[in-house]
């Protein structure tokens, strides 16, 4: 399975071109990190892949996942997982209910709670099952948020500066854990970041300016 962008260009409704001729490929189990100045279109690119592009923008080119073109597929059918800098957990649901919400529809009844509780056991947070998001720490919310995304069995993961609101010590620990979870899921991942320290060792780095001939470098 791989994520491919072919000749991608994004424009504002005003006609301004954010970037053009972007080509990239991310294989399963790989993390490609995307860096660039504010306003260059990093988060907008993630919106294109996820199918959430606002009317303020338009794009040309193709987005393919495992050889299938996503451009005409509705967002909820793309199997794209997204992790933002804000955890976006539902405040009215407790931790296990937040996890259960992400499970596929074919999992019914008590099995939903059982799956959620097993996921919490896997990340050593079983004791927080009945807590609400505002009752747990930022680091704990971040772990629950990533776990919720992976429980939906996405075919690709998009991460939009997921470590930016964590303190430095926690950032390093959480980054390493996130990369471990993504490799275990064995799906391609595209991560936007402003900080070189957030780039996982051994991952690929694509730096601005992007163009058709850009080379991907493995970051040590």
C-alpha atoms as a PDB file:
ATOM      1  CA  UNK A   1       0.000   0.000   0.000  1.00  0.00           C
ATOM      2  CA  UNK A   2       1.318   3.459  -0.847  1.00  0.00           C
ATOM      3  CA  UNK A   3       0.189   7.084  -0.919  1.00  0.00           C
ATOM      4  CA  UNK A   4       1.013   8.856  -4.178  1.00  0.00           C
ATOM      5  CA  UNK A   5       0.570  12.470  -5.220  1.00  0.00           C
ATOM      6  CA  UNK A   6       0.901  13.101  -8.927  1.00  0.00           C
ATOM      7  CA  UNK A   7       1.470  16.561 -10.412  1.00  0.00           C
ATOM      8  CA  UNK A   8      -0.480  18.179  -7.599  1.00  0.00           C
ATOM      9  CA  UNK A   9      -1.145  21.926  -7.631  1.00  0.00           C
ATOM     10  CA  UNK A  10      -3.251  23.952  -5.191  1.00  0.00           C
ATOM     11  CA  UNK A  11      -4.716  27.381  -5.927  1.00  0.00           C
ATOM     12  CA  UNK A  12      -6.683  29.910  -3.922  1.00  0.00           C
ATOM     13  CA  UNK A  13      -9.985  31.158  -5.297  1.00  0.00           C
ATOM     14  CA  UNK A  14      -8.189  34.453  -5.964  1.00  0.00           C
ATOM     15  CA  UNK A  15      -5.981  32.616  -8.468  1.00  0.00           C
ATOM     16  CA  UNK A  16      -2.845  32.588  -6.289  1.00  0.00           C
ATOM     17  CA  UNK A  17      -0.913  29.334  -6.657  1.00  0.00           C
ATOM     18  CA  UNK A  18       0.286  27.853  -3.348  1.00  0.00           C
ATOM     19  CA  UNK A  19       2.420  25.256  -5.100  1.00  0.00           C
ATOM     20  CA  UNK A  20       2.433  23.235  -8.297  1.00  0.00           C
ATOM     21  CA  UNK A  21       3.891  20.065  -9.800  1.00  0.00           C
ATOM     22  CA  UNK A  22       4.218  18.263  -6.470  1.00  0.00           C
ATOM     23  CA  UNK A  23       5.004  14.563  -6.742  1.00  0.00           C
ATOM     24  CA  UNK A  24       5.597  12.287  -3.797  1.00  0.00           C
ATOM     25  CA  UNK A  25       5.244   8.662  -2.804  1.00  0.00           C
ATOM     26  CA  UNK A  26       5.049   7.214   0.710  1.00  0.00           C
ATOM     27  CA  UNK A  27       5.170   3.441   1.122  1.00  0.00           C
ATOM     28  CA  UNK A  28       3.505   1.461   3.912  1.00  0.00           C
ATOM     29  CA  UNK A  29       5.420   1.660   7.164  1.00  0.00           C
ATOM     30  CA  UNK A  30       7.158   4.882   6.081  1.00  0.00           C
ATOM     31  CA  UNK A  31       6.828   8.389   7.530  1.00  0.00           C
ATOM     32  CA  UNK A  32       7.408  11.331   5.210  1.00  0.00           C
ATOM     33  CA  UNK A  33       7.808  14.681   6.955  1.00  0.00           C
ATOM     34  CA  UNK A  34       6.772  17.861   5.208  1.00  0.00           C
ATOM     35  CA  UNK A  35       8.335  21.203   6.103  1.00  0.00           C
ATOM     36  CA  UNK A  36       7.755  24.702   4.782  1.00  0.00           C
ATOM     37  CA  UNK A  37       6.904  28.257   5.816  1.00  0.00           C
ATOM     38  CA  UNK A  38       3.494  29.233   7.175  1.00  0.00           C
ATOM     39  CA  UNK A  39       0.981  29.708   4.377  1.00  0.00           C
ATOM     40  CA  UNK A  40       2.746  27.510   1.829  1.00  0.00           C
ATOM     41  CA  UNK A  41      -0.077  24.964   1.861  1.00  0.00           C
ATOM     42  CA  UNK A  42       1.046  22.151   4.163  1.00  0.00           C
ATOM     43  CA  UNK A  43      -2.235  21.750   6.053  1.00  0.00           C
ATOM     44  CA  UNK A  44      -4.187  22.447   2.869  1.00  0.00           C
ATOM     45  CA  UNK A  45      -2.369  19.542   1.244  1.00  0.00           C
ATOM     46  CA  UNK A  46      -3.562  17.272   4.052  1.00  0.00           C
ATOM     47  CA  UNK A  47      -7.105  18.548   3.425  1.00  0.00           C
ATOM     48  CA  UNK A  48      -6.782  17.538  -0.233  1.00  0.00           C
ATOM     49  CA  UNK A  49      -5.733  14.008   0.705  1.00  0.00           C
ATOM     50  CA  UNK A  50      -8.460  13.661   3.346  1.00  0.00           C
ATOM     51  CA  UNK A  51     -11.155  15.121   1.101  1.00  0.00           C
ATOM     52  CA  UNK A  52     -11.872  18.138   3.301  1.00  0.00           C
ATOM     53  CA  UNK A  53     -10.659  20.940   1.024  1.00  0.00           C
ATOM     54  CA  UNK A  54     -12.602  24.159   1.609  1.00  0.00           C
ATOM     55  CA  UNK A  55     -14.226  26.182  -1.167  1.00  0.00           C
ATOM     56  CA  UNK A  56     -11.453  28.752  -0.737  1.00  0.00           C
ATOM     57  CA  UNK A  57      -9.117  26.410  -2.628  1.00  0.00           C
ATOM     58  CA  UNK A  58      -9.048  24.190  -5.688  1.00  0.00           C
ATOM     59  CA  UNK A  59      -6.500  21.684  -6.907  1.00  0.00           C
ATOM     60  CA  UNK A  60      -5.393  19.743  -9.939  1.00  0.00           C
ATOM     61  CA  UNK A  61      -3.441  16.501 -10.197  1.00  0.00           C
ATOM     62  CA  UNK A  62      -4.158  13.140  -8.611  1.00  0.00           C
ATOM     63  CA  UNK A  63      -4.157  11.618  -5.147  1.00  0.00           C
ATOM     64  CA  UNK A  64      -3.801   7.830  -5.119  1.00  0.00           C
ATOM     65  CA  UNK A  65      -3.906   5.334  -2.287  1.00  0.00           C
ATOM     66  CA  UNK A  66      -2.861   1.788  -3.087  1.00  0.00           C
ATOM     67  CA  UNK A  67      -3.293   2.605  -6.781  1.00  0.00           C
ATOM     68  CA  UNK A  68      -6.856   3.883  -6.358  1.00  0.00           C
ATOM     69  CA  UNK A  69      -7.551   7.518  -7.253  1.00  0.00           C
ATOM     70  CA  UNK A  70      -9.216   9.242  -4.292  1.00  0.00           C
ATOM     71  CA  UNK A  71     -10.236  12.518  -5.933  1.00  0.00           C
ATOM     72  CA  UNK A  72     -13.861  11.534  -6.590  1.00  0.00           C
ATOM     73  CA  UNK A  73     -14.289   9.478  -3.390  1.00  0.00           C
ATOM     74  CA  UNK A  74     -16.177  11.035  -0.461  1.00  0.00           C
ATOM     75  CA  UNK A  75     -14.068  11.911   2.579  1.00  0.00           C
ATOM     76  CA  UNK A  76     -15.746   9.377   4.882  1.00  0.00           C
ATOM     77  CA  UNK A  77     -14.968   6.551   2.437  1.00  0.00           C
ATOM     78  CA  UNK A  78     -11.257   7.282   1.983  1.00  0.00           C
ATOM     79  CA  UNK A  79     -10.034   5.491   5.134  1.00  0.00           C
ATOM     80  CA  UNK A  80      -7.743   8.395   5.980  1.00  0.00           C
ATOM     81  CA  UNK A  81      -6.789   8.899   9.626  1.00  0.00           C
ATOM     82  CA  UNK A  82      -5.882  12.391  10.844  1.00  0.00           C
ATOM     83  CA  UNK A  83      -4.061  13.504  13.986  1.00  0.00           C
ATOM     84  CA  UNK A  84      -4.005  17.241  14.725  1.00  0.00           C
ATOM     85  CA  UNK A  85      -2.076  19.333  17.263  1.00  0.00           C
ATOM     86  CA  UNK A  86      -5.375  19.506  19.208  1.00  0.00           C
ATOM     87  CA  UNK A  87      -6.633  16.106  20.336  1.00  0.00           C
ATOM     88  CA  UNK A  88     -10.288  16.777  19.342  1.00  0.00           C
ATOM     89  CA  UNK A  89     -11.658  14.190  21.761  1.00  0.00           C
ATOM     90  CA  UNK A  90     -15.381  14.423  22.437  1.00  0.00           C
ATOM     91  CA  UNK A  91     -15.699  16.210  25.811  1.00  0.00           C
ATOM     92  CA  UNK A  92     -19.061  14.582  26.636  1.00  0.00           C
ATOM     93  CA  UNK A  93     -17.729  11.040  26.175  1.00  0.00           C
ATOM     94  CA  UNK A  94     -15.429   9.279  28.614  1.00  0.00           C
ATOM     95  CA  UNK A  95     -12.130   7.866  27.392  1.00  0.00           C
ATOM     96  CA  UNK A  96     -13.340   4.381  26.478  1.00  0.00           C
ATOM     97  CA  UNK A  97     -16.404   5.835  24.737  1.00  0.00           C
ATOM     98  CA  UNK A  98     -14.151   8.099  22.671  1.00  0.00           C
ATOM     99  CA  UNK A  99     -12.220   5.037  21.542  1.00  0.00           C
ATOM    100  CA  UNK A 100     -15.335   2.968  20.892  1.00  0.00           C
ATOM    101  CA  UNK A 101     -16.734   5.755  18.706  1.00  0.00           C
ATOM    102  CA  UNK A 102     -13.932   5.187  16.165  1.00  0.00           C
ATOM    103  CA  UNK A 103     -14.530   1.463  15.723  1.00  0.00           C
ATOM    104  CA  UNK A 104     -16.019   0.232  12.426  1.00  0.00           C
ATOM    105  CA  UNK A 105     -19.806  -0.055  12.324  1.00  0.00           C
ATOM    106  CA  UNK A 106     -19.776  -3.846  11.976  1.00  0.00           C
ATOM    107  CA  UNK A 107     -18.488  -4.136  15.565  1.00  0.00           C
ATOM    108  CA  UNK A 108     -21.594  -4.179  17.711  1.00  0.00           C
ATOM    109  CA  UNK A 109     -22.775  -4.107  21.325  1.00  0.00           C
ATOM    110  CA  UNK A 110     -20.481  -5.133  24.156  1.00  0.00           C
ATOM    111  CA  UNK A 111     -17.657  -5.905  21.741  1.00  0.00           C
ATOM    112  CA  UNK A 112     -17.186  -2.177  21.164  1.00  0.00           C
ATOM    113  CA  UNK A 113     -16.374  -1.593  24.832  1.00  0.00           C
ATOM    114  CA  UNK A 114     -14.214  -4.708  24.948  1.00  0.00           C
ATOM    115  CA  UNK A 115     -12.156  -3.478  21.984  1.00  0.00           C
ATOM    116  CA  UNK A 116     -11.828  -0.024  23.522  1.00  0.00           C
ATOM    117  CA  UNK A 117     -10.715  -1.448  26.857  1.00  0.00           C
ATOM    118  CA  UNK A 118      -8.168  -3.701  25.178  1.00  0.00           C
ATOM    119  CA  UNK A 119      -6.769  -0.672  23.343  1.00  0.00           C
ATOM    120  CA  UNK A 120      -6.441   1.180  26.657  1.00  0.00           C
ATOM    121  CA  UNK A 121      -4.675  -1.824  28.153  1.00  0.00           C
ATOM    122  CA  UNK A 122      -2.244  -1.794  25.244  1.00  0.00           C
ATOM    123  CA  UNK A 123      -1.252   1.799  26.023  1.00  0.00           C
ATOM    124  CA  UNK A 124      -1.285   1.294  29.801  1.00  0.00           C
ATOM    125  CA  UNK A 125      -4.185   3.702  30.401  1.00  0.00           C
ATOM    126  CA  UNK A 126      -6.881   1.286  31.585  1.00  0.00           C
ATOM    127  CA  UNK A 127      -7.283   3.262  34.804  1.00  0.00           C
ATOM    128  CA  UNK A 128      -8.544   6.252  32.787  1.00  0.00           C
ATOM    129  CA  UNK A 129     -11.338   4.388  31.017  1.00  0.00           C
ATOM    130  CA  UNK A 130     -14.165   6.237  32.790  1.00  0.00           C
ATOM    131  CA  UNK A 131     -12.432   9.628  32.938  1.00  0.00           C
ATOM    132  CA  UNK A 132     -13.393  12.493  30.672  1.00  0.00           C
ATOM    133  CA  UNK A 133     -10.924  14.335  28.423  1.00  0.00           C
ATOM    134  CA  UNK A 134     -10.740  17.384  30.708  1.00  0.00           C
ATOM    135  CA  UNK A 135      -9.759  15.119  33.614  1.00  0.00           C
ATOM    136  CA  UNK A 136      -6.593  13.683  32.044  1.00  0.00           C
ATOM    137  CA  UNK A 137      -3.256  15.214  31.056  1.00  0.00           C
ATOM    138  CA  UNK A 138      -2.318  16.573  27.642  1.00  0.00           C
ATOM    139  CA  UNK A 139       0.054  13.685  27.050  1.00  0.00           C
ATOM    140  CA  UNK A 140      -2.630  11.157  27.946  1.00  0.00           C
ATOM    141  CA  UNK A 141      -5.135  12.859  25.643  1.00  0.00           C
ATOM    142  CA  UNK A 142      -2.566  12.734  22.837  1.00  0.00           C
ATOM    143  CA  UNK A 143      -2.088   8.979  23.317  1.00  0.00           C
ATOM    144  CA  UNK A 144      -5.838   8.381  23.375  1.00  0.00           C
ATOM    145  CA  UNK A 145      -6.278  10.504  20.262  1.00  0.00           C
ATOM    146  CA  UNK A 146      -3.729   8.538  18.237  1.00  0.00           C
ATOM    147  CA  UNK A 147      -5.156   5.247  19.481  1.00  0.00           C
ATOM    148  CA  UNK A 148      -8.647   6.349  18.460  1.00  0.00           C
ATOM    149  CA  UNK A 149      -7.390   7.153  14.973  1.00  0.00           C
ATOM    150  CA  UNK A 150      -5.736   3.748  14.592  1.00  0.00           C
ATOM    151  CA  UNK A 151      -8.816   1.877  15.875  1.00  0.00           C
ATOM    152  CA  UNK A 152     -10.635   3.078  12.758  1.00  0.00           C
ATOM    153  CA  UNK A 153      -8.143   1.004  10.701  1.00  0.00           C
ATOM    154  CA  UNK A 154      -7.068   3.820   8.355  1.00  0.00           C
ATOM    155  CA  UNK A 155      -5.127   3.038   5.207  1.00  0.00           C
ATOM    156  CA  UNK A 156      -3.025   6.188   5.571  1.00  0.00           C
ATOM    157  CA  UNK A 157      -2.247   8.531   8.481  1.00  0.00           C
ATOM    158  CA  UNK A 158      -1.957  12.316   8.234  1.00  0.00           C
ATOM    159  CA  UNK A 159      -0.350  14.177  11.138  1.00  0.00           C
ATOM    160  CA  UNK A 160      -0.600  17.960  11.331  1.00  0.00           C
ATOM    161  CA  UNK A 161       2.008  19.171  13.852  1.00  0.00           C
ATOM    162  CA  UNK A 162       0.837  16.599  16.409  1.00  0.00           C
ATOM    163  CA  UNK A 163       3.612  17.369  18.928  1.00  0.00           C
ATOM    164  CA  UNK A 164       3.568  21.161  18.886  1.00  0.00           C
ATOM    165  CA  UNK A 165       1.565  21.637  22.104  1.00  0.00           C
ATOM    166  CA  UNK A 166       3.573  19.203  24.207  1.00  0.00           C
ATOM    167  CA  UNK A 167       6.556  20.174  26.340  1.00  0.00           C
ATOM    168  CA  UNK A 168       9.973  19.150  25.044  1.00  0.00           C
ATOM    169  CA  UNK A 169      10.474  16.076  27.244  1.00  0.00           C
ATOM    170  CA  UNK A 170       7.034  14.733  26.441  1.00  0.00           C
ATOM    171  CA  UNK A 171       7.401  15.564  22.728  1.00  0.00           C
ATOM    172  CA  UNK A 172      10.364  13.245  22.302  1.00  0.00           C
ATOM    173  CA  UNK A 173       8.708  10.407  24.184  1.00  0.00           C
ATOM    174  CA  UNK A 174       5.386  10.814  22.381  1.00  0.00           C
ATOM    175  CA  UNK A 175       7.040  11.180  18.959  1.00  0.00           C
ATOM    176  CA  UNK A 176       8.900   7.902  19.378  1.00  0.00           C
ATOM    177  CA  UNK A 177       5.715   6.177  20.535  1.00  0.00           C
ATOM    178  CA  UNK A 178       3.706   7.564  17.606  1.00  0.00           C
ATOM    179  CA  UNK A 179       6.284   6.351  15.089  1.00  0.00           C
ATOM    180  CA  UNK A 180       6.300   2.920  16.726  1.00  0.00           C
ATOM    181  CA  UNK A 181       2.500   2.715  16.491  1.00  0.00           C
ATOM    182  CA  UNK A 182       2.479   3.799  12.845  1.00  0.00           C
ATOM    183  CA  UNK A 183       5.104   1.223  11.908  1.00  0.00           C
ATOM    184  CA  UNK A 184       3.110  -1.455  13.710  1.00  0.00           C
ATOM    185  CA  UNK A 185       0.000  -0.402  11.774  1.00  0.00           C
ATOM    186  CA  UNK A 186       2.156  -0.677   8.613  1.00  0.00           C
ATOM    187  CA  UNK A 187       0.498   2.211   6.794  1.00  0.00           C
ATOM    188  CA  UNK A 188       2.005   5.200   4.971  1.00  0.00           C
ATOM    189  CA  UNK A 189       2.132   8.389   7.041  1.00  0.00           C
ATOM    190  CA  UNK A 190       2.584  12.039   6.077  1.00  0.00           C
ATOM    191  CA  UNK A 191       3.525  14.431   8.878  1.00  0.00           C
ATOM    192  CA  UNK A 192       3.604  18.234   8.783  1.00  0.00           C
ATOM    193  CA  UNK A 193       6.029  19.894  11.189  1.00  0.00           C
ATOM    194  CA  UNK A 194       7.927  23.149  11.713  1.00  0.00           C
ATOM    195  CA  UNK A 195      10.546  21.620  13.991  1.00  0.00           C
ATOM    196  CA  UNK A 196      13.485  19.521  12.792  1.00  0.00           C
ATOM    197  CA  UNK A 197      13.583  17.832  16.197  1.00  0.00           C
ATOM    198  CA  UNK A 198      10.138  16.366  15.534  1.00  0.00           C
ATOM    199  CA  UNK A 199      11.378  14.424  12.509  1.00  0.00           C
ATOM    200  CA  UNK A 200      11.747  10.740  13.441  1.00  0.00           C
ATOM    201  CA  UNK A 201      15.179   9.229  12.746  1.00  0.00           C
ATOM    202  CA  UNK A 202      15.195   7.273   9.497  1.00  0.00           C
ATOM    203  CA  UNK A 203      12.147   9.036   8.072  1.00  0.00           C
ATOM    204  CA  UNK A 204      12.030  10.992   4.836  1.00  0.00           C
ATOM    205  CA  UNK A 205      12.051  14.786   4.765  1.00  0.00           C
ATOM    206  CA  UNK A 206      10.573  16.955   2.038  1.00  0.00           C
ATOM    207  CA  UNK A 207      11.529  20.622   2.466  1.00  0.00           C
ATOM    208  CA  UNK A 208      10.178  23.742   0.826  1.00  0.00           C
ATOM    209  CA  UNK A 209      10.256  24.694  -2.012  1.00  0.00           C
ATOM    210  CA  UNK A 210       8.517  21.625  -3.383  1.00  0.00           C
ATOM    211  CA  UNK A 211       8.681  20.953  -7.110  1.00  0.00           C
ATOM    212  CA  UNK A 212       8.451  18.137  -9.601  1.00  0.00           C
ATOM    213  CA  UNK A 213      12.125  17.239  -9.242  1.00  0.00           C
ATOM    214  CA  UNK A 214      12.443  17.411  -5.473  1.00  0.00           C
ATOM    215  CA  UNK A 215      14.364  14.592  -3.839  1.00  0.00           C
ATOM    216  CA  UNK A 216      13.363  12.972  -0.592  1.00  0.00           C
ATOM    217  CA  UNK A 217      16.187  12.707   1.940  1.00  0.00           C
ATOM    218  CA  UNK A 218      16.357  10.259   4.794  1.00  0.00           C
ATOM    219  CA  UNK A 219      16.757  12.236   7.986  1.00  0.00           C
ATOM    220  CA  UNK A 220      19.323  10.852  10.405  1.00  0.00           C
END
